[in-house]
């Protein structure tokens, strides 16, 4: 088993994978939050408030997922 040191690109790949997973779990959380609100049969005003709170988190999680995947791709191309 070789004991080669990690390069910057290997680290970039792993950090990108972790960032992407954090974004993915954020997206899953947003899905469950909206499903729970939908099952509660909230009035339209309360449902609108829940969706307004979840939307920025959803976009942030999507952004993290995309940035993480881009880090992985760049790390693979440059490695």
PDB file of N, CA and C in Angstrom:
ATOM      1  N   UNK A   1       0.837  -1.169   0.000  1.00  0.00           N
ATOM      2  CA  UNK A   1       0.000   0.000   0.000  1.00  0.00           C
ATOM      3  C   UNK A   1       0.886   1.238   0.000  1.00  0.00           C
ATOM      4  N   UNK A   2       0.698   2.055  -1.009  1.00  0.00           N
ATOM      5  CA  UNK A   2       1.511   3.257  -1.117  1.00  0.00           C
ATOM      6  C   UNK A   2       1.054   4.296  -0.108  1.00  0.00           C
ATOM      7  N   UNK A   3       2.016   5.068   0.342  1.00  0.00           N
ATOM      8  CA  UNK A   3       1.712   6.119   1.291  1.00  0.00           C
ATOM      9  C   UNK A   3       2.012   7.462   0.638  1.00  0.00           C
ATOM     10  N   UNK A   4       1.211   7.817  -0.378  1.00  0.00           N
ATOM     11  CA  UNK A   4       1.447   9.053  -1.106  1.00  0.00           C
ATOM     12  C   UNK A   4       0.774  10.206  -0.378  1.00  0.00           C
ATOM     13  N   UNK A   5       1.424  11.347  -0.345  1.00  0.00           N
ATOM     14  CA  UNK A   5       0.803  12.501   0.325  1.00  0.00           C
ATOM     15  C   UNK A   5      -0.383  13.023  -0.480  1.00  0.00           C
ATOM     16  N   UNK A   6      -1.349  13.572   0.216  1.00  0.00           N
ATOM     17  CA  UNK A   6      -2.520  14.146  -0.452  1.00  0.00           C
ATOM     18  C   UNK A   6      -2.125  15.437  -1.147  1.00  0.00           C
ATOM     19  N   UNK A   7      -2.610  15.584  -2.352  1.00  0.00           N
ATOM     20  CA  UNK A   7      -2.359  16.816  -3.067  1.00  0.00           C
ATOM     21  C   UNK A   7      -3.494  17.798  -2.791  1.00  0.00           C
ATOM     22  N   UNK A   8      -3.311  19.011  -3.226  1.00  0.00           N
ATOM     23  CA  UNK A   8      -4.345  20.026  -3.068  1.00  0.00           C
ATOM     24  C   UNK A   8      -5.621  19.598  -3.790  1.00  0.00           C
ATOM     25  N   UNK A   9      -5.466  18.913  -4.902  1.00  0.00           N
ATOM     26  CA  UNK A   9      -6.631  18.517  -5.685  1.00  0.00           C
ATOM     27  C   UNK A   9      -7.407  17.392  -5.005  1.00  0.00           C
ATOM     28  N   UNK A  10      -6.698  16.484  -4.330  1.00  0.00           N
ATOM     29  CA  UNK A  10      -7.396  15.452  -3.558  1.00  0.00           C
ATOM     30  C   UNK A  10      -8.219  16.084  -2.440  1.00  0.00           C
ATOM     31  N   UNK A  11      -7.620  17.061  -1.782  1.00  0.00           N
ATOM     32  CA  UNK A  11      -8.333  17.759  -0.713  1.00  0.00           C
ATOM     33  C   UNK A  11      -9.528  18.516  -1.284  1.00  0.00           C
ATOM     34  N   UNK A  12      -9.351  19.137  -2.444  1.00  0.00           N
ATOM     35  CA  UNK A  12     -10.445  19.861  -3.094  1.00  0.00           C
ATOM     36  C   UNK A  12     -11.608  18.923  -3.412  1.00  0.00           C
ATOM     37  N   UNK A  13     -11.295  17.728  -3.869  1.00  0.00           N
ATOM     38  CA  UNK A  13     -12.335  16.745  -4.190  1.00  0.00           C
ATOM     39  C   UNK A  13     -13.109  16.365  -2.933  1.00  0.00           C
ATOM     40  N   UNK A  14     -12.404  16.065  -1.842  1.00  0.00           N
ATOM     41  CA  UNK A  14     -13.077  15.637  -0.616  1.00  0.00           C
ATOM     42  C   UNK A  14     -13.869  16.766   0.029  1.00  0.00           C
ATOM     43  N   UNK A  15     -13.309  17.971   0.025  1.00  0.00           N
ATOM     44  CA  UNK A  15     -14.044  19.111   0.582  1.00  0.00           C
ATOM     45  C   UNK A  15     -15.287  19.390  -0.270  1.00  0.00           C
ATOM     46  N   UNK A  16     -15.144  19.297  -1.586  1.00  0.00           N
ATOM     47  CA  UNK A  16     -16.297  19.485  -2.468  1.00  0.00           C
ATOM     48  C   UNK A  16     -17.377  18.451  -2.216  1.00  0.00           C
ATOM     49  N   UNK A  17     -16.970  17.218  -1.976  1.00  0.00           N
ATOM     50  CA  UNK A  17     -17.954  16.167  -1.687  1.00  0.00           C
ATOM     51  C   UNK A  17     -18.684  16.448  -0.377  1.00  0.00           C
ATOM     52  N   UNK A  18     -17.967  16.920   0.620  1.00  0.00           N
ATOM     53  CA  UNK A  18     -18.595  17.230   1.905  1.00  0.00           C
ATOM     54  C   UNK A  18     -19.550  18.412   1.752  1.00  0.00           C
ATOM     55  N   UNK A  19     -19.123  19.452   1.042  1.00  0.00           N
ATOM     56  CA  UNK A  19     -19.993  20.622   0.815  1.00  0.00           C
ATOM     57  C   UNK A  19     -21.247  20.201   0.054  1.00  0.00           C
ATOM     58  N   UNK A  20     -21.077  19.357  -0.935  1.00  0.00           N
ATOM     59  CA  UNK A  20     -22.217  18.888  -1.720  1.00  0.00           C
ATOM     60  C   UNK A  20     -23.182  18.073  -0.856  1.00  0.00           C
ATOM     61  N   UNK A  21     -22.655  17.245   0.027  1.00  0.00           N
ATOM     62  CA  UNK A  21     -23.519  16.460   0.914  1.00  0.00           C
ATOM     63  C   UNK A  21     -24.267  17.346   1.903  1.00  0.00           C
ATOM     64  N   UNK A  22     -23.606  18.376   2.405  1.00  0.00           N
ATOM     65  CA  UNK A  22     -24.292  19.309   3.302  1.00  0.00           C
ATOM     66  C   UNK A  22     -25.452  19.974   2.559  1.00  0.00           C
ATOM     67  N   UNK A  23     -25.217  20.385   1.323  1.00  0.00           N
ATOM     68  CA  UNK A  23     -26.281  20.969   0.518  1.00  0.00           C
ATOM     69  C   UNK A  23     -27.406  19.981   0.252  1.00  0.00           C
ATOM     70  N   UNK A  24     -27.048  18.741  -0.013  1.00  0.00           N
ATOM     71  CA  UNK A  24     -28.061  17.706  -0.265  1.00  0.00           C
ATOM     72  C   UNK A  24     -28.944  17.494   0.963  1.00  0.00           C
ATOM     73  N   UNK A  25     -28.317  17.403   2.134  1.00  0.00           N
ATOM     74  CA  UNK A  25     -29.102  17.215   3.349  1.00  0.00           C
ATOM     75  C   UNK A  25     -29.962  18.438   3.653  1.00  0.00           C
ATOM     76  N   UNK A  26     -29.488  19.621   3.278  1.00  0.00           N
ATOM     77  CA  UNK A  26     -30.310  20.816   3.409  1.00  0.00           C
ATOM     78  C   UNK A  26     -31.535  20.750   2.514  1.00  0.00           C
ATOM     79  N   UNK A  27     -31.358  20.266   1.296  1.00  0.00           N
ATOM     80  CA  UNK A  27     -32.498  20.107   0.393  1.00  0.00           C
ATOM     81  C   UNK A  27     -33.501  19.090   0.929  1.00  0.00           C
ATOM     82  N   UNK A  28     -33.005  17.995   1.468  1.00  0.00           N
ATOM     83  CA  UNK A  28     -33.892  16.977   2.047  1.00  0.00           C
ATOM     84  C   UNK A  28     -34.658  17.559   3.231  1.00  0.00           C
ATOM     85  N   UNK A  29     -33.968  18.352   4.061  1.00  0.00           N
ATOM     86  CA  UNK A  29     -34.637  18.978   5.195  1.00  0.00           C
ATOM     87  C   UNK A  29     -35.754  19.897   4.720  1.00  0.00           C
ATOM     88  N   UNK A  30     -35.494  20.670   3.673  1.00  0.00           N
ATOM     89  CA  UNK A  30     -36.514  21.570   3.132  1.00  0.00           C
ATOM     90  C   UNK A  30     -37.726  20.784   2.626  1.00  0.00           C
ATOM     91  N   UNK A  31     -37.469  19.684   1.967  1.00  0.00           N
ATOM     92  CA  UNK A  31     -38.564  18.849   1.467  1.00  0.00           C
ATOM     93  C   UNK A  31     -39.425  18.340   2.613  1.00  0.00           C
ATOM     94  N   UNK A  32     -38.773  17.829   3.668  1.00  0.00           N
ATOM     95  CA  UNK A  32     -39.538  17.313   4.807  1.00  0.00           C
ATOM     96  C   UNK A  32     -40.291  18.424   5.533  1.00  0.00           C
ATOM     97  N   UNK A  33     -39.699  19.601   5.612  1.00  0.00           N
ATOM     98  CA  UNK A  33     -40.366  20.721   6.286  1.00  0.00           C
ATOM     99  C   UNK A  33     -41.640  21.114   5.542  1.00  0.00           C
ATOM    100  N   UNK A  34     -41.573  21.183   4.234  1.00  0.00           N
ATOM    101  CA  UNK A  34     -42.757  21.551   3.449  1.00  0.00           C
ATOM    102  C   UNK A  34     -43.794  20.425   3.480  1.00  0.00           C
ATOM    103  N   UNK A  35     -43.340  19.173   3.427  1.00  0.00           N
ATOM    104  CA  UNK A  35     -44.287  18.052   3.506  1.00  0.00           C
ATOM    105  C   UNK A  35     -45.030  18.061   4.838  1.00  0.00           C
ATOM    106  N   UNK A  36     -44.310  18.362   5.912  1.00  0.00           N
ATOM    107  CA  UNK A  36     -44.943  18.397   7.225  1.00  0.00           C
ATOM    108  C   UNK A  36     -45.976  19.529   7.297  1.00  0.00           C
ATOM    109  N   UNK A  37     -45.647  20.671   6.723  1.00  0.00           N
ATOM    110  CA  UNK A  37     -46.591  21.793   6.708  1.00  0.00           C
ATOM    111  C   UNK A  37     -47.805  21.471   5.835  1.00  0.00           C
ATOM    112  N   UNK A  38     -47.566  20.769   4.735  1.00  0.00           N
ATOM    113  CA  UNK A  38     -48.673  20.416   3.844  1.00  0.00           C
ATOM    114  C   UNK A  38     -49.618  19.415   4.519  1.00  0.00           C
ATOM    115  N   UNK A  39     -49.045  18.455   5.255  1.00  0.00           N
ATOM    116  CA  UNK A  39     -49.857  17.463   5.950  1.00  0.00           C
ATOM    117  C   UNK A  39     -50.666  18.079   7.086  1.00  0.00           C
ATOM    118  N   UNK A  40     -50.170  19.197   7.633  1.00  0.00           N
ATOM    119  CA  UNK A  40     -50.865  19.841   8.749  1.00  0.00           C
ATOM    120  C   UNK A  40     -52.093  20.622   8.290  1.00  0.00           C
ATOM    121  N   UNK A  41     -52.315  20.716   6.982  1.00  0.00           N
ATOM    122  CA  UNK A  41     -53.459  21.445   6.425  1.00  0.00           C
ATOM    123  C   UNK A  41     -53.552  22.853   7.014  1.00  0.00           C
ATOM    124  N   UNK A  42     -52.453  23.577   6.925  1.00  0.00           N
ATOM    125  CA  UNK A  42     -52.411  24.935   7.447  1.00  0.00           C
ATOM    126  C   UNK A  42     -53.254  25.858   6.579  1.00  0.00           C
ATOM    127  N   UNK A  43     -53.756  26.924   7.178  1.00  0.00           N
ATOM    128  CA  UNK A  43     -54.442  27.938   6.356  1.00  0.00           C
ATOM    129  C   UNK A  43     -53.455  28.553   5.363  1.00  0.00           C
ATOM    130  N   UNK A  44     -54.004  29.179   4.356  1.00  0.00           N
ATOM    131  CA  UNK A  44     -53.167  29.683   3.261  1.00  0.00           C
ATOM    132  C   UNK A  44     -52.108  30.677   3.750  1.00  0.00           C
ATOM    133  N   UNK A  45     -52.466  31.533   4.689  1.00  0.00           N
ATOM    134  CA  UNK A  45     -51.512  32.528   5.192  1.00  0.00           C
ATOM    135  C   UNK A  45     -50.339  31.861   5.921  1.00  0.00           C
ATOM    136  N   UNK A  46     -50.654  30.866   6.757  1.00  0.00           N
ATOM    137  CA  UNK A  46     -49.592  30.180   7.497  1.00  0.00           C
ATOM    138  C   UNK A  46     -48.717  29.347   6.564  1.00  0.00           C
ATOM    139  N   UNK A  47     -49.342  28.712   5.575  1.00  0.00           N
ATOM    140  CA  UNK A  47     -48.568  27.934   4.598  1.00  0.00           C
ATOM    141  C   UNK A  47     -47.645  28.850   3.809  1.00  0.00           C
ATOM    142  N   UNK A  48     -48.137  30.011   3.453  1.00  0.00           N
ATOM    143  CA  UNK A  48     -47.326  30.991   2.736  1.00  0.00           C
ATOM    144  C   UNK A  48     -46.138  31.428   3.597  1.00  0.00           C
ATOM    145  N   UNK A  49     -46.349  31.598   4.894  1.00  0.00           N
ATOM    146  CA  UNK A  49     -45.267  31.987   5.805  1.00  0.00           C
ATOM    147  C   UNK A  49     -44.216  30.882   5.906  1.00  0.00           C
ATOM    148  N   UNK A  50     -44.664  29.637   5.965  1.00  0.00           N
ATOM    149  CA  UNK A  50     -43.715  28.515   6.026  1.00  0.00           C
ATOM    150  C   UNK A  50     -42.880  28.457   4.753  1.00  0.00           C
ATOM    151  N   UNK A  51     -43.543  28.616   3.618  1.00  0.00           N
ATOM    152  CA  UNK A  51     -42.824  28.568   2.345  1.00  0.00           C
ATOM    153  C   UNK A  51     -41.846  29.734   2.214  1.00  0.00           C
ATOM    154  N   UNK A  52     -42.214  30.899   2.738  1.00  0.00           N
ATOM    155  CA  UNK A  52     -41.306  32.039   2.691  1.00  0.00           C
ATOM    156  C   UNK A  52     -40.059  31.797   3.538  1.00  0.00           C
ATOM    157  N   UNK A  53     -40.209  31.073   4.638  1.00  0.00           N
ATOM    158  CA  UNK A  53     -39.053  30.757   5.488  1.00  0.00           C
ATOM    159  C   UNK A  53     -38.170  29.684   4.857  1.00  0.00           C
ATOM    160  N   UNK A  54     -38.772  28.740   4.171  1.00  0.00           N
ATOM    161  CA  UNK A  54     -38.024  27.609   3.613  1.00  0.00           C
ATOM    162  C   UNK A  54     -37.308  27.982   2.313  1.00  0.00           C
ATOM    163  N   UNK A  55     -37.879  28.888   1.548  1.00  0.00           N
ATOM    164  CA  UNK A  55     -37.323  29.215   0.233  1.00  0.00           C
ATOM    165  C   UNK A  55     -35.861  29.662   0.274  1.00  0.00           C
ATOM    166  N   UNK A  56     -35.460  30.604   1.136  1.00  0.00           N
ATOM    167  CA  UNK A  56     -34.036  30.979   1.147  1.00  0.00           C
ATOM    168  C   UNK A  56     -33.120  29.826   1.554  1.00  0.00           C
ATOM    169  N   UNK A  57     -33.589  28.999   2.486  1.00  0.00           N
ATOM    170  CA  UNK A  57     -32.784  27.842   2.889  1.00  0.00           C
ATOM    171  C   UNK A  57     -32.660  26.842   1.746  1.00  0.00           C
ATOM    172  N   UNK A  58     -33.741  26.684   0.993  1.00  0.00           N
ATOM    173  CA  UNK A  58     -33.731  25.787  -0.150  1.00  0.00           C
ATOM    174  C   UNK A  58     -32.731  26.273  -1.206  1.00  0.00           C
ATOM    175  N   UNK A  59     -32.767  27.567  -1.500  1.00  0.00           N
ATOM    176  CA  UNK A  59     -31.836  28.121  -2.480  1.00  0.00           C
ATOM    177  C   UNK A  59     -30.393  28.032  -1.993  1.00  0.00           C
ATOM    178  N   UNK A  60     -30.175  28.272  -0.707  1.00  0.00           N
ATOM    179  CA  UNK A  60     -28.836  28.147  -0.141  1.00  0.00           C
ATOM    180  C   UNK A  60     -28.318  26.726  -0.213  1.00  0.00           C
ATOM    181  N   UNK A  61     -29.175  25.761   0.081  1.00  0.00           N
ATOM    182  CA  UNK A  61     -28.773  24.356   0.005  1.00  0.00           C
ATOM    183  C   UNK A  61     -28.477  23.952  -1.429  1.00  0.00           C
ATOM    184  N   UNK A  62     -29.279  24.434  -2.360  1.00  0.00           N
ATOM    185  CA  UNK A  62     -29.030  24.156  -3.771  1.00  0.00           C
ATOM    186  C   UNK A  62     -27.698  24.762  -4.208  1.00  0.00           C
ATOM    187  N   UNK A  63     -27.425  25.974  -3.758  1.00  0.00           N
ATOM    188  CA  UNK A  63     -26.162  26.636  -4.064  1.00  0.00           C
ATOM    189  C   UNK A  63     -24.986  25.824  -3.513  1.00  0.00           C
ATOM    190  N   UNK A  64     -25.095  25.348  -2.277  1.00  0.00           N
ATOM    191  CA  UNK A  64     -24.018  24.537  -1.700  1.00  0.00           C
ATOM    192  C   UNK A  64     -23.797  23.259  -2.499  1.00  0.00           C
ATOM    193  N   UNK A  65     -24.875  22.627  -2.900  1.00  0.00           N
ATOM    194  CA  UNK A  65     -24.746  21.396  -3.685  1.00  0.00           C
ATOM    195  C   UNK A  65     -24.031  21.657  -5.006  1.00  0.00           C
ATOM    196  N   UNK A  66     -24.401  22.729  -5.666  1.00  0.00           N
ATOM    197  CA  UNK A  66     -23.793  23.043  -6.962  1.00  0.00           C
ATOM    198  C   UNK A  66     -22.319  23.407  -6.788  1.00  0.00           C
ATOM    199  N   UNK A  67     -22.015  24.236  -5.803  1.00  0.00           N
ATOM    200  CA  UNK A  67     -20.622  24.627  -5.565  1.00  0.00           C
ATOM    201  C   UNK A  67     -19.780  23.401  -5.207  1.00  0.00           C
ATOM    202  N   UNK A  68     -20.318  22.522  -4.376  1.00  0.00           N
ATOM    203  CA  UNK A  68     -19.593  21.311  -4.008  1.00  0.00           C
ATOM    204  C   UNK A  68     -19.317  20.423  -5.206  1.00  0.00           C
ATOM    205  N   UNK A  69     -20.314  20.253  -6.058  1.00  0.00           N
ATOM    206  CA  UNK A  69     -20.113  19.437  -7.253  1.00  0.00           C
ATOM    207  C   UNK A  69     -19.113  20.074  -8.208  1.00  0.00           C
ATOM    208  N   UNK A  70     -19.133  21.403  -8.293  1.00  0.00           N
ATOM    209  CA  UNK A  70     -18.151  22.077  -9.142  1.00  0.00           C
ATOM    210  C   UNK A  70     -16.743  21.902  -8.585  1.00  0.00           C
ATOM    211  N   UNK A  71     -16.612  21.926  -7.260  1.00  0.00           N
ATOM    212  CA  UNK A  71     -15.297  21.702  -6.654  1.00  0.00           C
ATOM    213  C   UNK A  71     -14.788  20.300  -6.971  1.00  0.00           C
ATOM    214  N   UNK A  72     -15.686  19.325  -6.907  1.00  0.00           N
ATOM    215  CA  UNK A  72     -15.291  17.945  -7.223  1.00  0.00           C
ATOM    216  C   UNK A  72     -14.829  17.835  -8.678  1.00  0.00           C
ATOM    217  N   UNK A  73     -15.606  18.418  -9.578  1.00  0.00           N
ATOM    218  CA  UNK A  73     -15.259  18.336 -11.006  1.00  0.00           C
ATOM    219  C   UNK A  73     -13.937  19.030 -11.279  1.00  0.00           C
ATOM    220  N   UNK A  74     -13.730  20.205 -10.698  1.00  0.00           N
ATOM    221  CA  UNK A  74     -12.458  20.920 -10.910  1.00  0.00           C
ATOM    222  C   UNK A  74     -11.299  20.119 -10.330  1.00  0.00           C
ATOM    223  N   UNK A  75     -11.507  19.536  -9.161  1.00  0.00           N
ATOM    224  CA  UNK A  75     -10.451  18.716  -8.554  1.00  0.00           C
ATOM    225  C   UNK A  75     -10.106  17.510  -9.397  1.00  0.00           C
ATOM    226  N   UNK A  76     -11.110  16.885 -10.004  1.00  0.00           N
ATOM    227  CA  UNK A  76     -10.858  15.714 -10.846  1.00  0.00           C
ATOM    228  C   UNK A  76     -10.139  16.122 -12.134  1.00  0.00           C
ATOM    229  N   UNK A  77     -10.581  17.214 -12.745  1.00  0.00           N
ATOM    230  CA  UNK A  77      -9.929  17.666 -13.980  1.00  0.00           C
ATOM    231  C   UNK A  77      -8.484  18.061 -13.758  1.00  0.00           C
ATOM    232  N   UNK A  78      -8.176  18.680 -12.639  1.00  0.00           N
ATOM    233  CA  UNK A  78      -6.822  19.169 -12.399  1.00  0.00           C
ATOM    234  C   UNK A  78      -5.906  18.154 -11.730  1.00  0.00           C
ATOM    235  N   UNK A  79      -6.471  17.088 -11.211  1.00  0.00           N
ATOM    236  CA  UNK A  79      -5.645  16.064 -10.542  1.00  0.00           C
ATOM    237  C   UNK A  79      -4.832  15.260 -11.517  1.00  0.00           C
TER     238      UNK A  79
END
